[in-house]
Amino acid sequence: MKLTRKLTAGKILIYLIVTLVALICLLPLVLVIIVSFTAEAEILRNGYSFFPHELSLEAYKTLFKNGGEVARCYLNSVCITVIGTVLATCITAMASYSLANTSVYYRNGIAMFFFVTMVFNGGMVPWYIMCQNLGLKENYLALLIPNLIFSPFNLFLVRNYMRELPASLMESAKLDGANDGVIAFRIYFPLCKPILATVALFYGIAYWNDWWNAIMLVTDVDMYPIQYYLMKLRSDQNFMKMLSGAAGGSAFAPTESLQMATAAITIGPIVLLYPFLQKYIVKGLVIGSVKG
């Protein structure tokens, strides 16, 4: 039996609105890519445009002048992001299970301890001293460990999701002889895939965009993540342009197009990661909206 779907005026209107919103969200990305291929002189004359009169690869030539360094920094960021995201998500999930478990004593007091860290911050100097005393300098752990301490916001997000699961699941599992490890990894975590995928995306974006740990704790060029390397490259390019202009030289160094080119090559992994997590994120957003 074939089901025929009729297009009504309401559905057509919804499709048009969704298409319009999608285009509005897509246009800035398209503009970034187009400007990255636009000649610097064209940008200075006419500003950003979807239809430039003069194209150039100068920005990408500047980026990949030292292709080996870019590839190494890219690999550093990919490895740190993957390892950090997996570890941070696992730590958050296990901590959330403990706080959502009614058999854990003083769980509300422990939750308050984590909540305080969301309100008060020790500051940059204590943070730096602590990292230095822990040996988090001039090594890859300096890029991994500081962000590995899970976000309290993500912790409470996962905990609240787990608290919505029926308590009978845990009770029946314990009656069958399952311990907390089995209950967490075989029952709770699989049921929490939507919220864990959402949290993993948050951690992944934070690790991928991180440059602060590199600028504070790392001076070895071989350990630079891609974000810090590109930020340093843009800073050097702007400085050279300023010196060139002061000396009466050419002022058409690719600074504007270089910024767009760096944005274009750094958003790729996150854009590619999102489709794999989309179904879980959407499920996490609509969970609880329909009761049956």
Protein backbone atom coordinates (compact mmCIF):
# COMPACT_ATOMS: atom_id res chain seq x y z
CA MET A 1 0.00 0.00 0.00
CA LYS A 2 1.51 3.27 -1.11
CA LEU A 3 1.11 6.36 0.98
CA THR A 4 0.77 9.56 -1.02
CA ARG A 5 1.79 12.83 0.51
CA LYS A 6 -0.14 15.87 -0.60
CA LEU A 7 1.52 19.23 -0.67
CA THR A 8 -0.68 21.72 1.05
CA ALA A 9 -0.23 25.46 1.19
CA GLY A 10 0.93 25.17 4.78
CA LYS A 11 3.63 22.61 3.94
CA ILE A 12 4.86 24.69 1.01
CA LEU A 13 5.10 27.72 3.30
CA ILE A 14 7.06 25.70 5.88
CA TYR A 15 9.45 24.41 3.20
CA LEU A 16 10.01 27.94 1.92
CA ILE A 17 10.72 29.27 5.42
CA VAL A 18 13.13 26.42 6.22
CA THR A 19 14.91 26.91 2.90
CA LEU A 20 15.20 30.65 3.52
CA VAL A 21 16.63 30.12 7.01
CA ALA A 22 19.11 27.55 5.65
CA LEU A 23 20.28 30.00 2.99
CA ILE A 24 20.67 32.77 5.56
CA CYS A 25 22.85 30.45 7.68
CA LEU A 26 24.85 29.31 4.64
CA LEU A 27 25.56 32.71 3.09
CA PRO A 28 28.18 33.83 5.67
CA LEU A 29 30.13 30.62 5.10
CA VAL A 30 29.98 31.11 1.33
CA LEU A 31 31.14 34.72 1.74
CA VAL A 32 34.12 33.61 3.86
CA ILE A 33 35.23 31.15 1.18
CA ILE A 34 34.79 33.67 -1.66
CA VAL A 35 36.68 36.42 0.17
CA SER A 36 39.52 33.99 0.90
CA PHE A 37 40.03 33.73 -2.88
CA THR A 38 39.68 37.48 -3.49
CA ALA A 39 42.69 39.66 -4.21
CA GLU A 40 43.71 41.91 -1.33
CA ALA A 41 43.60 45.05 -3.50
CA GLU A 42 40.05 44.18 -4.55
CA ILE A 43 38.97 43.85 -0.89
CA LEU A 44 40.55 47.20 0.00
CA ARG A 45 38.78 48.90 -2.90
CA ASN A 46 35.31 47.36 -2.74
CA GLY A 47 35.12 45.50 0.55
CA TYR A 48 33.70 42.00 0.89
CA SER A 49 31.65 40.85 -2.09
CA PHE A 50 29.99 37.71 -3.35
CA PHE A 51 31.06 38.63 -6.89
CA PRO A 52 34.67 39.87 -6.82
CA HIS A 53 36.28 41.15 -10.01
CA GLU A 54 39.77 39.91 -9.16
CA LEU A 55 40.62 36.51 -7.68
CA SER A 56 43.87 35.47 -6.07
CA LEU A 57 45.46 32.48 -4.34
CA GLU A 58 47.92 34.65 -2.45
CA ALA A 59 46.28 34.01 0.94
CA TYR A 60 46.49 30.23 0.54
CA LYS A 61 50.06 30.50 -0.79
CA THR A 62 50.96 32.42 2.36
CA LEU A 63 49.25 29.82 4.57
CA PHE A 64 50.88 26.84 2.91
CA LYS A 65 54.27 28.41 2.28
CA ASN A 66 55.53 26.03 4.96
CA GLY A 67 53.21 23.12 4.20
CA GLY A 68 55.01 20.77 6.58
CA GLU A 69 54.41 23.06 9.56
CA VAL A 70 50.73 23.47 8.72
CA ALA A 71 50.27 19.70 8.37
CA ARG A 72 52.07 19.06 11.66
CA CYS A 73 50.00 21.67 13.52
CA TYR A 74 46.83 20.28 11.97
CA LEU A 75 47.78 16.78 13.12
CA ASN A 76 48.50 18.11 16.62
CA SER A 77 45.04 19.67 16.82
CA VAL A 78 43.30 16.58 15.46
CA CYS A 79 45.03 14.24 17.94
CA ILE A 80 44.49 16.53 20.93
CA THR A 81 40.83 17.10 19.96
CA VAL A 82 40.03 13.41 19.50
CA ILE A 83 41.81 12.21 22.65
CA GLY A 84 40.61 15.11 24.78
CA THR A 85 37.00 14.85 23.62
CA VAL A 86 36.81 11.11 24.31
CA LEU A 87 38.42 11.38 27.75
CA ALA A 88 36.46 14.48 28.82
CA THR A 89 33.16 12.93 27.72
CA CYS A 90 33.91 9.70 29.60
CA ILE A 91 34.88 11.58 32.78
CA THR A 92 31.77 13.75 32.55
CA ALA A 93 29.53 10.71 32.00
CA MET A 94 30.97 8.81 34.98
CA ALA A 95 30.79 11.84 37.28
CA SER A 96 27.20 12.51 36.16
CA TYR A 97 26.22 8.92 36.87
CA SER A 98 27.60 9.22 40.40
CA LEU A 99 25.65 12.42 41.05
CA ALA A 100 22.46 10.96 39.58
CA ASN A 101 22.77 7.73 41.60
CA THR A 102 20.50 7.95 44.64
CA SER A 103 22.67 5.43 46.53
CA VAL A 104 25.65 7.82 46.58
CA TYR A 105 25.93 9.65 49.90
CA TYR A 106 26.36 13.45 49.96
CA ARG A 107 25.81 13.67 46.20
CA ASN A 108 24.04 17.03 46.59
CA GLY A 109 26.98 18.44 48.55
CA ILE A 110 29.40 17.21 45.89
CA ALA A 111 27.21 18.78 43.22
CA MET A 112 27.35 22.08 45.11
CA PHE A 113 31.15 21.83 45.11
CA PHE A 114 31.11 21.65 41.32
CA PHE A 115 28.53 24.43 41.09
CA VAL A 116 30.76 26.82 43.04
CA THR A 117 33.43 26.51 40.34
CA MET A 118 30.90 27.86 37.82
CA VAL A 119 30.46 31.04 39.87
CA PHE A 120 33.97 31.68 41.22
CA ASN A 121 37.25 31.47 39.34
CA GLY A 122 40.72 31.33 40.88
CA GLY A 123 42.18 33.53 38.15
CA MET A 124 44.97 33.21 35.63
CA VAL A 125 47.97 33.39 37.99
CA PRO A 126 46.93 30.46 40.27
CA TRP A 127 46.00 28.49 37.16
CA TYR A 128 49.44 29.07 35.63
CA ILE A 129 51.27 28.23 38.87
CA MET A 130 49.29 25.02 39.25
CA CYS A 131 50.01 23.97 35.66
CA GLN A 132 53.70 24.71 36.18
CA ASN A 133 53.87 22.70 39.41
CA LEU A 134 52.14 19.77 37.71
CA GLY A 135 54.71 19.77 34.93
CA LEU A 136 52.28 20.90 32.28
CA LYS A 137 54.80 22.87 30.25
CA GLU A 138 56.52 22.14 26.95
CA ASN A 139 54.63 18.87 26.41
CA TYR A 140 51.42 17.67 24.80
CA LEU A 141 49.81 17.16 28.20
CA ALA A 142 49.81 20.96 28.54
CA LEU A 143 47.39 21.07 25.60
CA LEU A 144 45.29 18.18 26.89
CA ILE A 145 45.00 18.24 30.69
CA PRO A 146 43.82 21.84 31.40
CA ASN A 147 40.71 21.36 29.26
CA LEU A 148 40.24 17.77 30.39
CA ILE A 149 38.83 18.89 33.74
CA PHE A 150 35.23 18.64 32.69
CA SER A 151 32.92 21.63 32.44
CA PRO A 152 30.46 21.81 35.37
CA PHE A 153 27.79 22.98 32.92
CA ASN A 154 28.18 19.79 30.89
CA LEU A 155 28.25 17.78 34.11
CA PHE A 156 24.87 19.10 35.26
CA LEU A 157 23.48 18.76 31.74
CA VAL A 158 24.25 15.03 31.66
CA ARG A 159 23.25 14.51 35.30
CA ASN A 160 19.82 16.05 34.76
CA TYR A 161 19.34 13.85 31.70
CA MET A 162 20.23 10.73 33.70
CA ARG A 163 17.87 11.71 36.50
CA GLU A 164 15.00 11.58 34.01
CA LEU A 165 15.63 7.89 33.34
CA PRO A 166 13.30 5.54 35.24
CA ALA A 167 14.73 4.49 38.60
CA SER A 168 13.31 1.02 38.00
CA LEU A 169 16.09 0.38 35.45
CA MET A 170 18.75 0.60 38.14
CA GLU A 171 16.68 -1.29 40.68
CA SER A 172 15.97 -4.20 38.34
CA ALA A 173 19.61 -4.35 37.26
CA LYS A 174 20.79 -4.49 40.87
CA LEU A 175 18.28 -7.26 41.58
CA ASP A 176 19.87 -9.20 38.74
CA GLY A 177 23.28 -8.79 40.39
CA ALA A 178 24.71 -5.99 38.23
CA ASN A 179 27.17 -3.60 39.84
CA ASP A 180 27.43 0.12 39.19
CA GLY A 181 30.01 -0.34 36.42
CA VAL A 182 27.73 -2.66 34.47
CA ILE A 183 24.70 -0.44 35.05
CA ALA A 184 26.56 2.68 33.93
CA PHE A 185 28.26 1.31 30.81
CA ARG A 186 25.61 -1.14 29.61
CA ILE A 187 22.37 0.61 30.56
CA TYR A 188 22.76 4.30 31.37
CA PHE A 189 25.40 5.41 28.89
CA PRO A 190 23.74 3.78 25.84
CA LEU A 191 20.44 5.43 26.82
CA CYS A 192 22.25 8.77 27.17
CA LYS A 193 23.74 8.81 23.67
CA PRO A 194 21.87 12.00 22.65
CA ILE A 195 23.15 14.11 25.55
CA LEU A 196 26.62 12.55 25.47
CA ALA A 197 26.89 13.32 21.76
CA THR A 198 25.88 16.92 22.45
CA VAL A 199 28.46 17.24 25.23
CA ALA A 200 31.11 15.60 23.03
CA LEU A 201 30.45 18.24 20.38
CA PHE A 202 30.91 20.98 22.99
CA TYR A 203 34.20 19.47 24.13
CA GLY A 204 35.36 18.92 20.55
CA ILE A 205 34.74 22.55 19.60
CA ALA A 206 36.50 23.75 22.76
CA TYR A 207 39.58 21.61 22.09
CA TRP A 208 39.71 22.46 18.40
CA ASN A 209 39.45 26.22 18.96
CA ASP A 210 41.85 26.29 21.91
CA TRP A 211 44.94 28.47 21.53
CA TRP A 212 45.21 29.83 25.08
CA ASN A 213 46.98 26.77 26.51
CA ALA A 214 49.51 26.89 23.67
CA ILE A 215 50.33 30.55 24.13
CA MET A 216 50.72 30.13 27.92
CA LEU A 217 52.36 26.72 28.25
CA VAL A 218 54.12 25.85 24.99
CA THR A 219 56.98 27.51 23.13
CA ASP A 220 58.07 24.57 20.97
CA VAL A 221 56.89 25.17 17.40
CA ASP A 222 56.51 21.41 16.84
CA MET A 223 53.74 21.31 19.46
CA TYR A 224 51.69 24.24 18.20
CA PRO A 225 48.01 23.49 17.51
CA ILE A 226 46.63 24.80 14.23
CA GLN A 227 44.62 27.60 15.83
CA TYR A 228 47.64 29.12 17.58
CA TYR A 229 49.86 28.67 14.52
CA LEU A 230 47.37 30.49 12.28
CA MET A 231 46.81 33.22 14.85
CA LYS A 232 50.57 33.76 15.07
CA LEU A 233 50.83 33.77 11.27
CA ARG A 234 48.10 36.42 10.96
CA SER A 235 49.76 38.51 13.66
CA ASP A 236 53.12 38.35 11.85
CA GLN A 237 51.44 39.21 8.56
CA ASN A 238 49.71 42.25 10.04
CA PHE A 239 52.99 43.39 11.58
CA MET A 240 54.81 43.06 8.26
CA LYS A 241 52.05 45.01 6.53
CA MET A 242 52.32 47.77 9.10
CA LEU A 243 56.10 47.97 8.64
CA SER A 244 55.72 47.92 4.87
CA GLY A 245 53.21 50.77 4.96
CA ALA A 246 55.40 52.81 7.31
CA ALA A 247 58.35 52.35 4.96
CA GLY A 248 56.31 53.43 1.95
CA GLY A 249 56.17 49.94 0.46
CA SER A 250 53.23 47.95 -0.85
CA ALA A 251 50.22 47.79 1.49
CA PHE A 252 48.59 44.89 -0.34
CA ALA A 253 49.83 42.03 1.83
CA PRO A 254 47.03 39.46 2.10
CA THR A 255 45.74 40.23 5.57
CA GLU A 256 41.96 40.41 5.03
CA SER A 257 41.88 37.44 2.66
CA LEU A 258 44.31 35.60 4.95
CA GLN A 259 41.87 35.88 7.85
CA MET A 260 39.12 34.36 5.73
CA ALA A 261 41.43 31.63 4.46
CA THR A 262 42.38 30.63 8.00
CA ALA A 263 38.69 30.52 8.95
CA ALA A 264 37.93 28.36 5.91
CA ILE A 265 40.54 25.71 6.70
CA THR A 266 39.85 25.57 10.44
CA ILE A 267 36.07 25.10 10.35
CA GLY A 268 36.34 21.99 8.18
CA PRO A 269 36.69 19.32 10.89
CA ILE A 270 33.82 20.71 12.97
CA VAL A 271 31.56 20.96 9.91
CA LEU A 272 32.42 17.34 9.03
CA LEU A 273 31.89 16.16 12.62
CA TYR A 274 28.43 17.64 13.09
CA PRO A 275 26.53 15.40 10.57
CA PHE A 276 27.62 12.27 12.47
CA LEU A 277 26.24 13.67 15.75
CA GLN A 278 23.20 15.47 14.32
CA LYS A 279 20.67 12.69 14.87
CA TYR A 280 21.70 12.33 18.53
CA ILE A 281 21.68 16.10 19.10
CA VAL A 282 18.22 16.48 17.58
CA LYS A 283 16.95 13.56 19.67
CA GLY A 284 18.42 15.18 22.77
CA LEU A 285 16.64 18.43 22.01
CA VAL A 286 13.20 16.88 21.53
CA ILE A 287 13.42 14.28 24.33
CA GLY A 288 10.64 14.77 26.79
CA SER A 289 8.57 16.94 24.45
CA VAL A 290 6.20 14.06 23.73
CA LYS A 291 4.92 11.79 26.47
CA GLY A 292 3.28 8.50 25.72
